[in-house]
Amino acid sequence: ESLASFLSLPSSNLLQTFHSYNDAATKGIDEFNKTHFHNTPWTDSGPYYCGTVTPVLHYCMGGLRINEHGKVLDKKGNNIEGLYAAGEIVGGIHGRSRLGGNALTECVVFGRIIGQEID
């Protein structure tokens, strides 16, 4: 009841959604071709925890060009003296097809390289 109230839904709608999800889990597939159903069955009594999720930028696939030392390059490919960049401000080392999970590694690696470069 409290979850339905928080979501501004009739509790009957929420319970029907739980029951439909459990039925799909039992069959092993839902109307959207989902085949993995973790943490089922969902019960009518909970407890359930709810939060708001909003869209955010996951990873930027473009940005400043840098060389192997983290130095920012101008349009002609020349170093911009004293300007370094690392992380998601740069175009990345993956081009158009970034490997998932590599953003933090890229930040750490180029951060270390730049730190050594300006030390």
PDB file of N, CA and C in Angstrom:
ATOM      1  N   GLU A   1       0.815  -1.202   0.000  1.00  0.00           N
ATOM      2  CA  GLU A   1       0.000   0.000   0.000  1.00  0.00           C
ATOM      3  C   GLU A   1       0.862   1.271   0.000  1.00  0.00           C
ATOM      4  N   SER A   2       1.893   1.288   0.860  1.00  0.00           N
ATOM      5  CA  SER A   2       2.700   2.512   0.944  1.00  0.00           C
ATOM      6  C   SER A   2       3.508   2.735  -0.332  1.00  0.00           C
ATOM      7  N   LEU A   3       3.997   1.656  -0.965  1.00  0.00           N
ATOM      8  CA  LEU A   3       4.734   1.808  -2.222  1.00  0.00           C
ATOM      9  C   LEU A   3       3.810   2.325  -3.315  1.00  0.00           C
ATOM     10  N   ALA A   4       2.613   1.764  -3.417  1.00  0.00           N
ATOM     11  CA  ALA A   4       1.652   2.230  -4.412  1.00  0.00           C
ATOM     12  C   ALA A   4       1.318   3.703  -4.183  1.00  0.00           C
ATOM     13  N   SER A   5       1.169   4.080  -2.944  1.00  0.00           N
ATOM     14  CA  SER A   5       0.876   5.470  -2.612  1.00  0.00           C
ATOM     15  C   SER A   5       2.037   6.380  -3.021  1.00  0.00           C
ATOM     16  N   PHE A   6       3.267   5.945  -2.706  1.00  0.00           N
ATOM     17  CA  PHE A   6       4.444   6.725  -3.070  1.00  0.00           C
ATOM     18  C   PHE A   6       4.530   6.923  -4.578  1.00  0.00           C
ATOM     19  N   LEU A   7       4.162   5.890  -5.333  1.00  0.00           N
ATOM     20  CA  LEU A   7       4.227   5.945  -6.794  1.00  0.00           C
ATOM     21  C   LEU A   7       2.980   6.557  -7.426  1.00  0.00           C
ATOM     22  N   SER A   8       2.024   6.937  -6.592  1.00  0.00           N
ATOM     23  CA  SER A   8       0.740   7.495  -7.054  1.00  0.00           C
ATOM     24  C   SER A   8       0.019   6.528  -7.983  1.00  0.00           C
ATOM     25  N   LEU A   9       0.002   5.257  -7.584  1.00  0.00           N
ATOM     26  CA  LEU A   9      -0.668   4.206  -8.357  1.00  0.00           C
ATOM     27  C   LEU A   9      -1.737   3.552  -7.501  1.00  0.00           C
ATOM     28  N   PRO A  10      -2.788   3.066  -8.145  1.00  0.00           N
ATOM     29  CA  PRO A  10      -3.710   2.211  -7.398  1.00  0.00           C
ATOM     30  C   PRO A  10      -2.976   0.933  -6.989  1.00  0.00           C
ATOM     31  N   SER A  11      -3.135   0.490  -5.765  1.00  0.00           N
ATOM     32  CA  SER A  11      -2.414  -0.702  -5.304  1.00  0.00           C
ATOM     33  C   SER A  11      -2.750  -1.919  -6.155  1.00  0.00           C
ATOM     34  N   SER A  12      -3.960  -1.983  -6.705  1.00  0.00           N
ATOM     35  CA  SER A  12      -4.336  -3.126  -7.552  1.00  0.00           C
ATOM     36  C   SER A  12      -3.471  -3.185  -8.813  1.00  0.00           C
ATOM     37  N   ASN A  13      -3.114  -2.027  -9.367  1.00  0.00           N
ATOM     38  CA  ASN A  13      -2.241  -1.993 -10.557  1.00  0.00           C
ATOM     39  C   ASN A  13      -0.843  -2.507 -10.223  1.00  0.00           C
ATOM     40  N   LEU A  14      -0.330  -2.079  -9.078  1.00  0.00           N
ATOM     41  CA  LEU A  14       1.007  -2.501  -8.676  1.00  0.00           C
ATOM     42  C   LEU A  14       1.032  -4.006  -8.415  1.00  0.00           C
ATOM     43  N   LEU A  15       0.020  -4.507  -7.726  1.00  0.00           N
ATOM     44  CA  LEU A  15      -0.041  -5.952  -7.449  1.00  0.00           C
ATOM     45  C   LEU A  15      -0.172  -6.749  -8.747  1.00  0.00           C
ATOM     46  N   GLN A  16      -0.955  -6.262  -9.695  1.00  0.00           N
ATOM     47  CA  GLN A  16      -1.087  -6.947 -10.980  1.00  0.00           C
ATOM     48  C   GLN A  16       0.244  -6.978 -11.724  1.00  0.00           C
ATOM     49  N   THR A  17       1.012  -5.904 -11.632  1.00  0.00           N
ATOM     50  CA  THR A  17       2.338  -5.862 -12.250  1.00  0.00           C
ATOM     51  C   THR A  17       3.251  -6.900 -11.616  1.00  0.00           C
ATOM     52  N   PHE A  18       3.237  -6.987 -10.283  1.00  0.00           N
ATOM     53  CA  PHE A  18       4.032  -8.009  -9.586  1.00  0.00           C
ATOM     54  C   PHE A  18       3.633  -9.405 -10.042  1.00  0.00           C
ATOM     55  N   HIS A  19       2.335  -9.666 -10.133  1.00  0.00           N
ATOM     56  CA  HIS A  19       1.850 -11.000 -10.519  1.00  0.00           C
ATOM     57  C   HIS A  19       2.240 -11.321 -11.962  1.00  0.00           C
ATOM     58  N   SER A  20       2.131 -10.348 -12.846  1.00  0.00           N
ATOM     59  CA  SER A  20       2.519 -10.558 -14.256  1.00  0.00           C
ATOM     60  C   SER A  20       4.012 -10.848 -14.368  1.00  0.00           C
ATOM     61  N   TYR A  21       4.812 -10.123 -13.584  1.00  0.00           N
ATOM     62  CA  TYR A  21       6.260 -10.328 -13.594  1.00  0.00           C
ATOM     63  C   TYR A  21       6.591 -11.728 -13.085  1.00  0.00           C
ATOM     64  N   ASN A  22       5.943 -12.141 -12.017  1.00  0.00           N
ATOM     65  CA  ASN A  22       6.169 -13.491 -11.482  1.00  0.00           C
ATOM     66  C   ASN A  22       5.771 -14.560 -12.490  1.00  0.00           C
ATOM     67  N   ASP A  23       4.658 -14.353 -13.197  1.00  0.00           N
ATOM     68  CA  ASP A  23       4.227 -15.312 -14.227  1.00  0.00           C
ATOM     69  C   ASP A  23       5.272 -15.415 -15.333  1.00  0.00           C
ATOM     70  N   ALA A  24       5.796 -14.285 -15.767  1.00  0.00           N
ATOM     71  CA  ALA A  24       6.826 -14.281 -16.811  1.00  0.00           C
ATOM     72  C   ALA A  24       8.080 -14.998 -16.313  1.00  0.00           C
ATOM     73  N   ALA A  25       8.440 -14.772 -15.056  1.00  0.00           N
ATOM     74  CA  ALA A  25       9.618 -15.437 -14.490  1.00  0.00           C
ATOM     75  C   ALA A  25       9.432 -16.948 -14.481  1.00  0.00           C
ATOM     76  N   THR A  26       8.243 -17.379 -14.162  1.00  0.00           N
ATOM     77  CA  THR A  26       7.952 -18.819 -14.159  1.00  0.00           C
ATOM     78  C   THR A  26       8.060 -19.405 -15.568  1.00  0.00           C
ATOM     79  N   LYS A  27       7.572 -18.664 -16.561  1.00  0.00           N
ATOM     80  CA  LYS A  27       7.652 -19.107 -17.959  1.00  0.00           C
ATOM     81  C   LYS A  27       9.065 -18.987 -18.521  1.00  0.00           C
ATOM     82  N   GLY A  28       9.867 -18.065 -17.940  1.00  0.00           N
ATOM     83  CA  GLY A  28      11.233 -17.861 -18.415  1.00  0.00           C
ATOM     84  C   GLY A  28      11.363 -16.829 -19.508  1.00  0.00           C
ATOM     85  N   ILE A  29      10.275 -16.136 -19.808  1.00  0.00           N
ATOM     86  CA  ILE A  29      10.318 -15.081 -20.831  1.00  0.00           C
ATOM     87  C   ILE A  29       9.116 -14.165 -20.644  1.00  0.00           C
ATOM     88  N   ASP A  30       9.312 -12.860 -20.931  1.00  0.00           N
ATOM     89  CA  ASP A  30       8.183 -11.932 -20.840  1.00  0.00           C
ATOM     90  C   ASP A  30       7.831 -11.396 -22.221  1.00  0.00           C
ATOM     91  N   GLU A  31       6.898 -10.468 -22.259  1.00  0.00           N
ATOM     92  CA  GLU A  31       6.421  -9.919 -23.539  1.00  0.00           C
ATOM     93  C   GLU A  31       7.482  -9.124 -24.285  1.00  0.00           C
ATOM     94  N   PHE A  32       8.568  -8.748 -23.599  1.00  0.00           N
ATOM     95  CA  PHE A  32       9.658  -8.001 -24.225  1.00  0.00           C
ATOM     96  C   PHE A  32      10.858  -8.896 -24.528  1.00  0.00           C
ATOM     97  N   ASN A  33      10.686 -10.201 -24.373  1.00  0.00           N
ATOM     98  CA  ASN A  33      11.732 -11.221 -24.577  1.00  0.00           C
ATOM     99  C   ASN A  33      12.823 -11.204 -23.503  1.00  0.00           C
ATOM    100  N   LYS A  34      12.501 -10.654 -22.353  1.00  0.00           N
ATOM    101  CA  LYS A  34      13.428 -10.719 -21.222  1.00  0.00           C
ATOM    102  C   LYS A  34      13.453 -12.159 -20.723  1.00  0.00           C
ATOM    103  N   THR A  35      14.647 -12.657 -20.435  1.00  0.00           N
ATOM    104  CA  THR A  35      14.777 -14.058 -20.012  1.00  0.00           C
ATOM    105  C   THR A  35      15.461 -14.238 -18.659  1.00  0.00           C
ATOM    106  N   HIS A  36      15.888 -13.162 -18.025  1.00  0.00           N
ATOM    107  CA  HIS A  36      16.537 -13.256 -16.712  1.00  0.00           C
ATOM    108  C   HIS A  36      15.672 -12.534 -15.684  1.00  0.00           C
ATOM    109  N   PHE A  37      15.279 -13.241 -14.654  1.00  0.00           N
ATOM    110  CA  PHE A  37      14.395 -12.699 -13.628  1.00  0.00           C
ATOM    111  C   PHE A  37      15.004 -12.970 -12.265  1.00  0.00           C
ATOM    112  N   HIS A  38      15.777 -12.020 -11.774  1.00  0.00           N
ATOM    113  CA  HIS A  38      16.429 -12.171 -10.478  1.00  0.00           C
ATOM    114  C   HIS A  38      15.483 -11.748  -9.368  1.00  0.00           C
ATOM    115  N   ASN A  39      15.677 -12.316  -8.206  1.00  0.00           N
ATOM    116  CA  ASN A  39      14.937 -11.923  -6.999  1.00  0.00           C
ATOM    117  C   ASN A  39      13.433 -12.133  -7.114  1.00  0.00           C
ATOM    118  N   THR A  40      13.025 -13.164  -7.792  1.00  0.00           N
ATOM    119  CA  THR A  40      11.603 -13.484  -7.868  1.00  0.00           C
ATOM    120  C   THR A  40      11.339 -14.700  -6.987  1.00  0.00           C
ATOM    121  N   PRO A  41      10.131 -14.903  -6.544  1.00  0.00           N
ATOM    122  CA  PRO A  41       8.937 -14.114  -6.858  1.00  0.00           C
ATOM    123  C   PRO A  41       8.816 -12.866  -5.986  1.00  0.00           C
ATOM    124  N   TRP A  42       8.099 -11.891  -6.534  1.00  0.00           N
ATOM    125  CA  TRP A  42       7.772 -10.689  -5.779  1.00  0.00           C
ATOM    126  C   TRP A  42       6.493 -10.986  -5.000  1.00  0.00           C
ATOM    127  N   THR A  43       6.513 -10.647  -3.728  1.00  0.00           N
ATOM    128  CA  THR A  43       5.349 -10.918  -2.891  1.00  0.00           C
ATOM    129  C   THR A  43       4.476  -9.673  -2.775  1.00  0.00           C
ATOM    130  N   ASP A  44       3.272  -9.875  -2.290  1.00  0.00           N
ATOM    131  CA  ASP A  44       2.357  -8.746  -2.102  1.00  0.00           C
ATOM    132  C   ASP A  44       2.712  -7.916  -0.870  1.00  0.00           C
ATOM    133  N   SER A  45       3.559  -8.477  -0.006  1.00  0.00           N
ATOM    134  CA  SER A  45       3.790  -7.814   1.278  1.00  0.00           C
ATOM    135  C   SER A  45       5.125  -7.066   1.397  1.00  0.00           C
ATOM    136  N   GLY A  46       6.068  -7.272   0.497  1.00  0.00           N
ATOM    137  CA  GLY A  46       7.335  -6.543   0.571  1.00  0.00           C
ATOM    138  C   GLY A  46       8.269  -7.086   1.627  1.00  0.00           C
ATOM    139  N   PRO A  47       9.152  -6.322   2.228  1.00  0.00           N
ATOM    140  CA  PRO A  47       9.239  -4.863   2.052  1.00  0.00           C
ATOM    141  C   PRO A  47       9.875  -4.481   0.718  1.00  0.00           C
ATOM    142  N   TYR A  48       9.486  -3.332   0.216  1.00  0.00           N
ATOM    143  CA  TYR A  48      10.041  -2.805  -1.020  1.00  0.00           C
ATOM    144  C   TYR A  48      10.640  -1.439  -0.771  1.00  0.00           C
ATOM    145  N   TYR A  49      11.715  -1.157  -1.467  1.00  0.00           N
ATOM    146  CA  TYR A  49      12.397   0.126  -1.357  1.00  0.00           C
ATOM    147  C   TYR A  49      12.374   0.775  -2.729  1.00  0.00           C
ATOM    148  N   CYS A  50      12.096   2.039  -2.764  1.00  0.00           N
ATOM    149  CA  CYS A  50      11.885   2.716  -4.036  1.00  0.00           C
ATOM    150  C   CYS A  50      12.661   4.027  -4.061  1.00  0.00           C
ATOM    151  N   GLY A  51      13.170   4.374  -5.217  1.00  0.00           N
ATOM    152  CA  GLY A  51      13.854   5.642  -5.396  1.00  0.00           C
ATOM    153  C   GLY A  51      13.615   6.159  -6.793  1.00  0.00           C
ATOM    154  N   THR A  52      13.970   7.378  -7.012  1.00  0.00           N
ATOM    155  CA  THR A  52      13.803   8.006  -8.320  1.00  0.00           C
ATOM    156  C   THR A  52      15.089   7.869  -9.111  1.00  0.00           C
ATOM    157  N   VAL A  53      14.977   7.447 -10.351  1.00  0.00           N
ATOM    158  CA  VAL A  53      16.122   7.335 -11.250  1.00  0.00           C
ATOM    159  C   VAL A  53      15.918   8.332 -12.379  1.00  0.00           C
ATOM    160  N   THR A  54      16.949   9.110 -12.661  1.00  0.00           N
ATOM    161  CA  THR A  54      16.860  10.083 -13.746  1.00  0.00           C
ATOM    162  C   THR A  54      17.990   9.841 -14.741  1.00  0.00           C
ATOM    163  N   PRO A  55      17.759  10.161 -15.997  1.00  0.00           N
ATOM    164  CA  PRO A  55      18.813   9.972 -16.997  1.00  0.00           C
ATOM    165  C   PRO A  55      20.020  10.862 -16.713  1.00  0.00           C
ATOM    166  N   VAL A  56      21.196  10.322 -16.963  1.00  0.00           N
ATOM    167  CA  VAL A  56      22.438  11.082 -16.826  1.00  0.00           C
ATOM    168  C   VAL A  56      23.358  10.719 -17.982  1.00  0.00           C
ATOM    169  N   LEU A  57      24.349  11.526 -18.192  1.00  0.00           N
ATOM    170  CA  LEU A  57      25.354  11.227 -19.207  1.00  0.00           C
ATOM    171  C   LEU A  57      26.228  10.090 -18.705  1.00  0.00           C
ATOM    172  N   HIS A  58      26.320   9.017 -19.448  1.00  0.00           N
ATOM    173  CA  HIS A  58      27.115   7.866 -19.025  1.00  0.00           C
ATOM    174  C   HIS A  58      28.581   8.014 -19.421  1.00  0.00           C
ATOM    175  N   TYR A  59      28.820   8.362 -20.651  1.00  0.00           N
ATOM    176  CA  TYR A  59      30.188   8.496 -21.140  1.00  0.00           C
ATOM    177  C   TYR A  59      30.168   9.388 -22.364  1.00  0.00           C
ATOM    178  N   CYS A  60      31.111  10.267 -22.464  1.00  0.00           N
ATOM    179  CA  CYS A  60      31.204  11.187 -23.590  1.00  0.00           C
ATOM    180  C   CYS A  60      32.111  10.579 -24.663  1.00  0.00           C
ATOM    181  N   MET A  61      31.593  10.426 -25.864  1.00  0.00           N
ATOM    182  CA  MET A  61      32.363   9.807 -26.947  1.00  0.00           C
ATOM    183  C   MET A  61      32.994  10.862 -27.852  1.00  0.00           C
ATOM    184  N   GLY A  62      33.538  11.873 -27.284  1.00  0.00           N
ATOM    185  CA  GLY A  62      34.209  12.897 -28.072  1.00  0.00           C
ATOM    186  C   GLY A  62      34.831  13.904 -27.136  1.00  0.00           C
ATOM    187  N   GLY A  63      35.602  14.795 -27.672  1.00  0.00           N
ATOM    188  CA  GLY A  63      36.217  15.807 -26.825  1.00  0.00           C
ATOM    189  C   GLY A  63      37.552  16.237 -27.370  1.00  0.00           C
ATOM    190  N   LEU A  64      38.402  16.679 -26.467  1.00  0.00           N
ATOM    191  CA  LEU A  64      39.723  17.164 -26.843  1.00  0.00           C
ATOM    192  C   LEU A  64      40.610  16.030 -27.342  1.00  0.00           C
ATOM    193  N   ARG A  65      41.438  16.333 -28.329  1.00  0.00           N
ATOM    194  CA  ARG A  65      42.441  15.359 -28.779  1.00  0.00           C
ATOM    195  C   ARG A  65      43.681  15.516 -27.927  1.00  0.00           C
ATOM    196  N   ILE A  66      44.223  14.387 -27.501  1.00  0.00           N
ATOM    197  CA  ILE A  66      45.476  14.407 -26.736  1.00  0.00           C
ATOM    198  C   ILE A  66      46.447  13.439 -27.387  1.00  0.00           C
ATOM    199  N   ASN A  67      47.725  13.608 -27.035  1.00  0.00           N
ATOM    200  CA  ASN A  67      48.724  12.649 -27.504  1.00  0.00           C
ATOM    201  C   ASN A  67      48.974  11.622 -26.393  1.00  0.00           C
ATOM    202  N   GLU A  68      49.962  10.776 -26.593  1.00  0.00           N
ATOM    203  CA  GLU A  68      50.238   9.700 -25.629  1.00  0.00           C
ATOM    204  C   GLU A  68      50.746  10.210 -24.292  1.00  0.00           C
ATOM    205  N   HIS A  69      51.052  11.502 -24.199  1.00  0.00           N
ATOM    206  CA  HIS A  69      51.514  12.110 -22.952  1.00  0.00           C
ATOM    207  C   HIS A  69      50.416  12.911 -22.265  1.00  0.00           C
ATOM    208  N   GLY A  70      49.206  12.904 -22.838  1.00  0.00           N
ATOM    209  CA  GLY A  70      48.098  13.659 -22.257  1.00  0.00           C
ATOM    210  C   GLY A  70      48.102  15.125 -22.618  1.00  0.00           C
ATOM    211  N   LYS A  71      48.983  15.522 -23.543  1.00  0.00           N
ATOM    212  CA  LYS A  71      49.037  16.921 -23.975  1.00  0.00           C
ATOM    213  C   LYS A  71      47.899  17.180 -24.968  1.00  0.00           C
ATOM    214  N   VAL A  72      47.189  18.278 -24.771  1.00  0.00           N
ATOM    215  CA  VAL A  72      46.081  18.625 -25.655  1.00  0.00           C
ATOM    216  C   VAL A  72      46.648  19.118 -26.988  1.00  0.00           C
ATOM    217  N   LEU A  73      46.021  18.661 -28.078  1.00  0.00           N
ATOM    218  CA  LEU A  73      46.459  19.009 -29.431  1.00  0.00           C
ATOM    219  C   LEU A  73      45.501  20.005 -30.067  1.00  0.00           C
ATOM    220  N   ASP A  74      46.033  20.893 -30.883  1.00  0.00           N
ATOM    221  CA  ASP A  74      45.179  21.817 -31.621  1.00  0.00           C
ATOM    222  C   ASP A  74      44.639  21.122 -32.875  1.00  0.00           C
ATOM    223  N   LYS A  75      43.913  21.875 -33.710  1.00  0.00           N
ATOM    224  CA  LYS A  75      43.297  21.292 -34.908  1.00  0.00           C
ATOM    225  C   LYS A  75      44.315  20.713 -35.884  1.00  0.00           C
ATOM    226  N   LYS A  76      45.539  21.245 -35.854  1.00  0.00           N
ATOM    227  CA  LYS A  76      46.586  20.766 -36.755  1.00  0.00           C
ATOM    228  C   LYS A  76      47.398  19.631 -36.150  1.00  0.00           C
ATOM    229  N   GLY A  77      47.081  19.241 -34.908  1.00  0.00           N
ATOM    230  CA  GLY A  77      47.802  18.154 -34.263  1.00  0.00           C
ATOM    231  C   GLY A  77      49.020  18.578 -33.474  1.00  0.00           C
ATOM    232  N   ASN A  78      49.178  19.871 -33.277  1.00  0.00           N
ATOM    233  CA  ASN A  78      50.314  20.401 -32.510  1.00  0.00           C
ATOM    234  C   ASN A  78      49.950  20.512 -31.035  1.00  0.00           C
ATOM    235  N   ASN A  79      50.943  20.313 -30.164  1.00  0.00           N
ATOM    236  CA  ASN A  79      50.731  20.468 -28.728  1.00  0.00           C
ATOM    237  C   ASN A  79      50.326  21.897 -28.402  1.00  0.00           C
ATOM    238  N   ILE A  80      49.370  22.043 -27.479  1.00  0.00           N
ATOM    239  CA  ILE A  80      49.057  23.353 -26.912  1.00  0.00           C
ATOM    240  C   ILE A  80      49.866  23.421 -25.620  1.00  0.00           C
ATOM    241  N   GLU A  81      50.890  24.237 -25.618  1.00  0.00           N
ATOM    242  CA  GLU A  81      51.861  24.287 -24.522  1.00  0.00           C
ATOM    243  C   GLU A  81      51.201  24.472 -23.163  1.00  0.00           C
ATOM    244  N   GLY A  82      51.529  23.562 -22.232  1.00  0.00           N
ATOM    245  CA  GLY A  82      51.062  23.666 -20.855  1.00  0.00           C
ATOM    246  C   GLY A  82      49.651  23.171 -20.610  1.00  0.00           C
ATOM    247  N   LEU A  83      48.973  22.660 -21.639  1.00  0.00           N
ATOM    248  CA  LEU A  83      47.584  22.200 -21.475  1.00  0.00           C
ATOM    249  C   LEU A  83      47.529  20.679 -21.569  1.00  0.00           C
ATOM    250  N   TYR A  84      47.039  20.059 -20.513  1.00  0.00           N
ATOM    251  CA  TYR A  84      46.907  18.608 -20.429  1.00  0.00           C
ATOM    252  C   TYR A  84      45.451  18.271 -20.150  1.00  0.00           C
ATOM    253  N   ALA A  85      45.053  17.060 -20.516  1.00  0.00           N
ATOM    254  CA  ALA A  85      43.681  16.626 -20.238  1.00  0.00           C
ATOM    255  C   ALA A  85      43.647  15.105 -20.081  1.00  0.00           C
ATOM    256  N   ALA A  86      42.717  14.646 -19.257  1.00  0.00           N
ATOM    257  CA  ALA A  86      42.515  13.211 -19.045  1.00  0.00           C
ATOM    258  C   ALA A  86      41.056  12.974 -18.709  1.00  0.00           C
ATOM    259  N   GLY A  87      40.616  11.761 -18.869  1.00  0.00           N
ATOM    260  CA  GLY A  87      39.244  11.406 -18.507  1.00  0.00           C
ATOM    261  C   GLY A  87      38.264  11.700 -19.624  1.00  0.00           C
ATOM    262  N   GLU A  88      37.044  11.983 -19.235  1.00  0.00           N
ATOM    263  CA  GLU A  88      35.979  12.098 -20.218  1.00  0.00           C
ATOM    264  C   GLU A  88      35.952  13.423 -20.963  1.00  0.00           C
ATOM    265  N   ILE A  89      36.868  14.329 -20.672  1.00  0.00           N
ATOM    266  CA  ILE A  89      36.981  15.571 -21.437  1.00  0.00           C
ATOM    267  C   ILE A  89      37.692  15.307 -22.767  1.00  0.00           C
ATOM    268  N   VAL A  90      38.401  14.187 -22.847  1.00  0.00           N
ATOM    269  CA  VAL A  90      39.139  13.862 -24.066  1.00  0.00           C
ATOM    270  C   VAL A  90      38.321  12.933 -24.954  1.00  0.00           C
ATOM    271  N   GLY A  91      38.729  12.844 -26.191  1.00  0.00           N
ATOM    272  CA  GLY A  91      38.023  12.007 -27.149  1.00  0.00           C
ATOM    273  C   GLY A  91      38.097  10.533 -26.825  1.00  0.00           C
ATOM    274  N   GLY A  92      38.997  10.144 -25.973  1.00  0.00           N
ATOM    275  CA  GLY A  92      39.112   8.744 -25.609  1.00  0.00           C
ATOM    276  C   GLY A  92      40.031   7.980 -26.530  1.00  0.00           C
ATOM    277  N   ILE A  93      40.482   6.845 -26.060  1.00  0.00           N
ATOM    278  CA  ILE A  93      41.396   6.024 -26.843  1.00  0.00           C
ATOM    279  C   ILE A  93      40.664   4.972 -27.659  1.00  0.00           C
ATOM    280  N   HIS A  94      39.345   4.916 -27.520  1.00  0.00           N
ATOM    281  CA  HIS A  94      38.579   3.846 -28.151  1.00  0.00           C
ATOM    282  C   HIS A  94      37.919   4.239 -29.468  1.00  0.00           C
ATOM    283  N   GLY A  95      37.979   5.497 -29.834  1.00  0.00           N
ATOM    284  CA  GLY A  95      37.335   5.913 -31.074  1.00  0.00           C
ATOM    285  C   GLY A  95      35.829   5.828 -30.965  1.00  0.00           C
ATOM    286  N   ARG A  96      35.184   5.246 -31.960  1.00  0.00           N
ATOM    287  CA  ARG A  96      33.724   5.196 -31.992  1.00  0.00           C
ATOM    288  C   ARG A  96      33.132   4.024 -31.223  1.00  0.00           C
ATOM    289  N   SER A  97      33.948   3.128 -30.726  1.00  0.00           N
ATOM    290  CA  SER A  97      33.427   1.934 -30.082  1.00  0.00           C
ATOM    291  C   SER A  97      34.111   1.707 -28.740  1.00  0.00           C
ATOM    292  N   ARG A  98      33.671   2.457 -27.733  1.00  0.00           N
ATOM    293  CA  ARG A  98      34.266   2.364 -26.398  1.00  0.00           C
ATOM    294  C   ARG A  98      33.910   1.034 -25.750  1.00  0.00           C
ATOM    295  N   LEU A  99      34.894   0.446 -25.114  1.00  0.00           N
ATOM    296  CA  LEU A  99      34.669  -0.782 -24.368  1.00  0.00           C
ATOM    297  C   LEU A  99      34.063  -0.425 -23.016  1.00  0.00           C
ATOM    298  N   GLY A 100      32.933  -1.002 -22.691  1.00  0.00           N
ATOM    299  CA  GLY A 100      32.267  -0.711 -21.427  1.00  0.00           C
ATOM    300  C   GLY A 100      33.158  -0.975 -20.232  1.00  0.00           C
ATOM    301  N   GLY A 101      33.117  -0.074 -19.247  1.00  0.00           N
ATOM    302  CA  GLY A 101      33.872  -0.261 -18.023  1.00  0.00           C
ATOM    303  C   GLY A 101      35.282   0.280 -18.045  1.00  0.00           C
ATOM    304  N   ASN A 102      35.699   0.890 -19.137  1.00  0.00           N
ATOM    305  CA  ASN A 102      37.085   1.355 -19.242  1.00  0.00           C
ATOM    306  C   ASN A 102      37.280   2.823 -18.901  1.00  0.00           C
ATOM    307  N   ALA A 103      36.227   3.565 -18.623  1.00  0.00           N
ATOM    308  CA  ALA A 103      36.360   5.003 -18.395  1.00  0.00           C
ATOM    309  C   ALA A 103      37.270   5.310 -17.212  1.00  0.00           C
ATOM    310  N   LEU A 104      37.086   4.621 -16.086  1.00  0.00           N
ATOM    311  CA  LEU A 104      37.911   4.904 -14.912  1.00  0.00           C
ATOM    312  C   LEU A 104      39.362   4.521 -15.150  1.00  0.00           C
ATOM    313  N   THR A 105      39.583   3.412 -15.838  1.00  0.00           N
ATOM    314  CA  THR A 105      40.958   3.011 -16.144  1.00  0.00           C
ATOM    315  C   THR A 105      41.633   4.072 -16.995  1.00  0.00           C
ATOM    316  N   GLU A 106      40.921   4.561 -17.977  1.00  0.00           N
ATOM    317  CA  GLU A 106      41.462   5.608 -18.851  1.00  0.00           C
ATOM    318  C   GLU A 106      41.811   6.859 -18.048  1.00  0.00           C
ATOM    319  N   CYS A 107      40.950   7.248 -17.107  1.00  0.00           N
ATOM    320  CA  CYS A 107      41.217   8.420 -16.261  1.00  0.00           C
ATOM    321  C   CYS A 107      42.472   8.222 -15.421  1.00  0.00           C
ATOM    322  N   VAL A 108      42.595   7.050 -14.808  1.00  0.00           N
ATOM    323  CA  VAL A 108      43.737   6.779 -13.927  1.00  0.00           C
ATOM    324  C   VAL A 108      45.038   6.720 -14.724  1.00  0.00           C
ATOM    325  N   VAL A 109      45.018   6.010 -15.842  1.00  0.00           N
ATOM    326  CA  VAL A 109      46.231   5.856 -16.635  1.00  0.00           C
ATOM    327  C   VAL A 109      46.724   7.208 -17.138  1.00  0.00           C
ATOM    328  N   PHE A 110      45.832   7.980 -17.758  1.00  0.00           N
ATOM    329  CA  PHE A 110      46.283   9.265 -18.293  1.00  0.00           C
ATOM    330  C   PHE A 110      46.537  10.283 -17.194  1.00  0.00           C
ATOM    331  N   GLY A 111      45.828  10.182 -16.084  1.00  0.00           N
ATOM    332  CA  GLY A 111      46.124  11.050 -14.949  1.00  0.00           C
ATOM    333  C   GLY A 111      47.537  10.814 -14.436  1.00  0.00           C
ATOM    334  N   ARG A 112      47.935   9.548 -14.355  1.00  0.00           N
ATOM    335  CA  ARG A 112      49.282   9.214 -13.896  1.00  0.00           C
ATOM    336  C   ARG A 112      50.341   9.687 -14.896  1.00  0.00           C
ATOM    337  N   ILE A 113      50.065   9.452 -16.168  1.00  0.00           N
ATOM    338  CA  ILE A 113      51.001   9.886 -17.218  1.00  0.00           C
ATOM    339  C   ILE A 113      51.200  11.394 -17.146  1.00  0.00           C
ATOM    340  N   ILE A 114      50.100  12.137 -17.023  1.00  0.00           N
ATOM    341  CA  ILE A 114      50.196  13.595 -16.964  1.00  0.00           C
ATOM    342  C   ILE A 114      50.937  14.027 -15.702  1.00  0.00           C
ATOM    343  N   GLY A 115      50.641  13.378 -14.583  1.00  0.00           N
ATOM    344  CA  GLY A 115      51.337  13.706 -13.343  1.00  0.00           C
ATOM    345  C   GLY A 115      52.837  13.543 -13.470  1.00  0.00           C
ATOM    346  N   GLN A 116      53.261  12.471 -14.134  1.00  0.00           N
ATOM    347  CA  GLN A 116      54.687  12.255 -14.352  1.00  0.00           C
ATOM    348  C   GLN A 116      55.255  13.272 -15.342  1.00  0.00           C
ATOM    349  N   GLU A 117      54.453  13.641 -16.312  1.00  0.00           N
ATOM    350  CA  GLU A 117      54.892  14.572 -17.359  1.00  0.00           C
ATOM    351  C   GLU A 117      55.154  15.971 -16.796  1.00  0.00           C
ATOM    352  N   ILE A 118      54.309  16.414 -15.879  1.00  0.00           N
ATOM    353  CA  ILE A 118      54.448  17.792 -15.371  1.00  0.00           C
ATOM    354  C   ILE A 118      55.233  17.858 -14.068  1.00  0.00           C
ATOM    355  N   ASP A 119      55.643  16.724 -13.538  1.00  0.00           N
ATOM    356  CA  ASP A 119      56.391  16.672 -12.286  1.00  0.00           C
ATOM    357  C   ASP A 119      57.755  17.299 -12.442  1.00  0.00           C
TER     358      ASP A 119
END
